[in-house]
Amino acid sequence: MAIRLTPLTREARRLNDMAVHIGDVAPDLHSFDAPSSPSKLPDIQGRWTVVFFFPQGNHPHCVMESRRFQALMPEFERLGVVVIGVSVDTTEQQQYFRNFCVLSFPLISDAQYQVSRAFGVLDSAEVDGETVTYARRESFLIGPDQQVIQHWRDVDPDSHAAAVLDAVRSLLEVRS
């Protein structure tokens, strides 16, 4: 399988220029939550929220990253932090992925690319001569006031969940 990253189209560059930045109010995730989503989004108003994007469910690195978040869910929950995963997979693919990984946190199916566009993580690559659109592996920490507090790029799927948890702990210690 030959994978070649393609330059972003003018439209994709424009949309990514609209990406959220630290200090911005995060896009309202409930406005993107389809009734057929594999899991119901919790009310995140007034709560710390981690939104992590992954390119494709059932890809080994996406499985690894999601399972790392799942393994740390008791600690995220103890701290009152909501974790939400997002990919451009269909609702059916997300449901399979959720069951395969035995995930307790919600997933957003972003098959229409709305969430990825809103956060500025939409990208494309050429795979075997076909252009594939995906969400880059990036994450956002959203504060109780819905402001973006932190943005992780170049995420290592093996250690990212622990790094996010450490960052949340540090922030909560500073604020208490």
Protein backbone atom coordinates (compact mmCIF):
# COMPACT_ATOMS: atom_id res chain seq x y z
CA MET A 1 0.00 0.00 0.00
CA ALA A 2 1.59 3.26 -1.14
CA ILE A 3 0.72 6.26 1.00
CA ARG A 4 1.66 9.70 -0.17
CA LEU A 5 0.67 12.82 1.71
CA THR A 6 -0.99 15.26 -0.61
CA PRO A 7 -0.77 19.00 -0.24
CA LEU A 8 -3.87 20.38 1.39
CA THR A 9 -6.32 21.81 -1.07
CA ARG A 10 -6.99 25.53 -0.93
CA GLU A 11 -10.30 24.78 0.82
CA ALA A 12 -8.68 22.47 3.39
CA ARG A 13 -6.01 25.10 4.10
CA ARG A 14 -8.72 27.73 4.54
CA LEU A 15 -10.65 25.51 6.92
CA ASN A 16 -7.55 24.64 8.89
CA ASP A 17 -6.74 28.36 9.14
CA MET A 18 -10.04 28.57 11.00
CA ALA A 19 -8.74 26.07 13.57
CA VAL A 20 -9.40 26.69 17.22
CA HIS A 21 -6.49 28.03 19.19
CA ILE A 22 -5.65 28.08 22.87
CA GLY A 23 -7.96 30.59 24.53
CA ASP A 24 -10.72 30.22 21.91
CA VAL A 25 -14.15 28.97 22.84
CA ALA A 26 -14.33 25.38 21.62
CA PRO A 27 -16.93 24.40 19.01
CA ASP A 28 -20.14 23.04 20.56
CA LEU A 29 -19.75 19.27 20.21
CA HIS A 30 -23.46 18.68 20.82
CA SER A 31 -24.26 20.47 17.58
CA PHE A 32 -22.38 17.71 15.72
CA ASP A 33 -23.76 14.76 17.70
CA ALA A 34 -25.91 12.69 15.35
CA PRO A 35 -28.87 10.79 16.85
CA SER A 36 -27.31 7.61 15.45
CA SER A 37 -23.94 8.14 17.19
CA PRO A 38 -22.54 5.01 18.85
CA SER A 39 -22.73 6.72 22.24
CA LYS A 40 -24.53 9.69 23.75
CA LEU A 41 -22.46 12.77 24.51
CA PRO A 42 -22.58 13.83 28.14
CA ASP A 43 -23.26 17.42 29.15
CA ILE A 44 -19.79 18.97 29.13
CA GLN A 45 -20.78 22.49 30.18
CA GLY A 46 -18.84 23.29 33.36
CA ARG A 47 -16.61 20.21 33.01
CA TRP A 48 -13.05 19.59 31.87
CA THR A 49 -13.14 17.76 28.54
CA VAL A 50 -10.53 15.98 26.45
CA VAL A 51 -11.36 15.70 22.74
CA PHE A 52 -8.95 13.43 20.90
CA PHE A 53 -9.03 12.94 17.14
CA PHE A 54 -7.79 9.77 15.49
CA PRO A 55 -7.50 8.99 11.77
CA GLN A 56 -9.33 5.67 11.49
CA GLY A 57 -10.84 3.19 13.91
CA ASN A 58 -9.44 -0.35 13.80
CA HIS A 59 -6.04 0.92 12.71
CA PRO A 60 -3.42 -0.42 15.17
CA HIS A 61 -2.34 3.01 16.40
CA CYS A 62 -5.92 4.19 16.83
CA VAL A 63 -6.75 1.04 18.76
CA MET A 64 -3.67 1.57 20.94
CA GLU A 65 -4.45 5.22 21.69
CA SER A 66 -8.12 4.57 22.44
CA ARG A 67 -7.32 1.65 24.72
CA ARG A 68 -4.74 3.80 26.56
CA PHE A 69 -7.44 6.39 27.22
CA GLN A 70 -9.82 3.61 28.32
CA ALA A 71 -7.25 2.18 30.74
CA LEU A 72 -6.95 5.63 32.37
CA MET A 73 -10.70 6.34 32.44
CA PRO A 74 -11.06 5.65 36.19
CA GLU A 75 -8.52 8.39 36.88
CA PHE A 76 -10.05 10.82 34.36
CA GLU A 77 -13.46 10.16 35.94
CA ARG A 78 -12.08 10.66 39.46
CA LEU A 79 -10.84 14.08 38.34
CA GLY A 80 -14.23 14.85 36.72
CA VAL A 81 -12.82 14.90 33.18
CA VAL A 82 -14.93 13.86 30.18
CA VAL A 83 -13.06 12.05 27.37
CA ILE A 84 -14.46 12.06 23.82
CA GLY A 85 -12.93 10.40 20.75
CA VAL A 86 -13.56 11.63 17.19
CA SER A 87 -12.76 10.13 13.78
CA VAL A 88 -14.20 10.48 10.29
CA ASP A 89 -15.47 6.90 10.38
CA THR A 90 -19.15 6.19 9.81
CA THR A 91 -21.47 5.53 12.72
CA GLU A 92 -21.37 1.79 11.96
CA GLN A 93 -17.56 1.77 11.88
CA GLN A 94 -17.46 3.71 15.16
CA GLN A 95 -19.86 1.25 16.81
CA TYR A 96 -17.71 -1.69 15.71
CA PHE A 97 -14.57 0.10 16.92
CA ARG A 98 -16.20 0.97 20.26
CA ASN A 99 -17.19 -2.66 20.81
CA PHE A 100 -13.85 -4.03 19.58
CA CYS A 101 -11.88 -1.80 21.97
CA VAL A 102 -14.45 -2.07 24.79
CA LEU A 103 -14.65 1.70 25.24
CA SER A 104 -16.78 3.39 27.87
CA PHE A 105 -16.26 6.96 26.67
CA PRO A 106 -18.28 8.52 23.84
CA LEU A 107 -17.17 8.57 20.22
CA ILE A 108 -18.29 11.06 17.60
CA SER A 109 -18.70 9.80 14.05
CA ASP A 110 -17.51 12.68 11.89
CA ALA A 111 -18.22 11.17 8.47
CA GLN A 112 -19.33 14.61 7.20
CA TYR A 113 -16.04 16.18 8.47
CA GLN A 114 -17.84 18.92 10.43
CA VAL A 115 -16.08 18.42 13.77
CA SER A 116 -12.65 17.93 12.18
CA ARG A 117 -13.14 21.10 10.13
CA ALA A 118 -14.31 23.07 13.16
CA PHE A 119 -11.21 22.05 15.12
CA GLY A 120 -8.90 22.43 12.11
CA VAL A 121 -7.58 18.85 12.04
CA LEU A 122 -8.94 17.70 8.68
CA ASP A 123 -6.29 16.39 6.28
CA SER A 124 -5.89 14.12 3.28
CA ALA A 125 -3.41 11.61 1.88
CA GLU A 126 -3.13 9.68 -1.33
CA VAL A 127 -3.39 5.93 -0.72
CA ASP A 128 -2.90 3.67 -3.73
CA GLY A 129 -3.90 6.48 -6.06
CA GLU A 130 -7.01 7.45 -4.10
CA THR A 131 -7.32 10.55 -1.93
CA VAL A 132 -8.37 9.66 1.61
CA THR A 133 -9.65 12.31 4.01
CA TYR A 134 -8.99 11.85 7.72
CA ALA A 135 -8.66 13.66 11.03
CA ARG A 136 -5.07 14.19 12.13
CA ARG A 137 -4.11 12.63 15.45
CA GLU A 138 -4.46 15.73 17.64
CA SER A 139 -6.12 16.44 20.97
CA PHE A 140 -7.64 19.38 22.81
CA LEU A 141 -8.22 20.03 26.48
CA ILE A 142 -11.30 22.17 27.00
CA GLY A 143 -11.88 23.92 30.33
CA PRO A 144 -15.15 24.16 32.26
CA ASP A 145 -15.76 27.56 30.62
CA GLN A 146 -15.50 25.84 27.19
CA GLN A 147 -12.20 27.56 26.38
CA VAL A 148 -9.43 25.57 24.73
CA ILE A 149 -6.71 25.21 27.37
CA GLN A 150 -4.24 22.96 25.56
CA HIS A 151 -3.72 21.56 22.05
CA TRP A 152 -1.51 18.55 21.36
CA ARG A 153 -0.10 17.94 17.87
CA ASP A 154 2.29 15.19 16.76
CA VAL A 155 0.71 12.78 19.21
CA ASP A 156 2.37 9.47 20.15
CA PRO A 157 -0.56 7.03 20.42
CA ASP A 158 1.29 4.89 22.96
CA SER A 159 1.94 7.59 25.55
CA HIS A 160 -0.51 10.35 24.72
CA ALA A 161 -3.32 9.43 27.13
CA ALA A 162 -0.87 9.44 30.06
CA ALA A 163 0.56 12.80 28.93
CA VAL A 164 -2.95 14.29 28.79
CA LEU A 165 -3.75 12.93 32.25
CA ASP A 166 -0.51 14.41 33.63
CA ALA A 167 -1.37 17.79 32.09
CA VAL A 168 -4.87 17.70 33.58
CA ARG A 169 -3.50 16.81 37.01
CA SER A 170 -1.00 19.68 36.81
CA LEU A 171 -3.67 22.18 35.77
CA LEU A 172 -6.05 21.08 38.49
CA GLU A 173 -3.30 21.32 41.13
CA VAL A 174 -2.46 24.87 40.03
CA ARG A 175 -6.13 25.89 40.15
CA SER A 176 -6.85 24.39 43.58
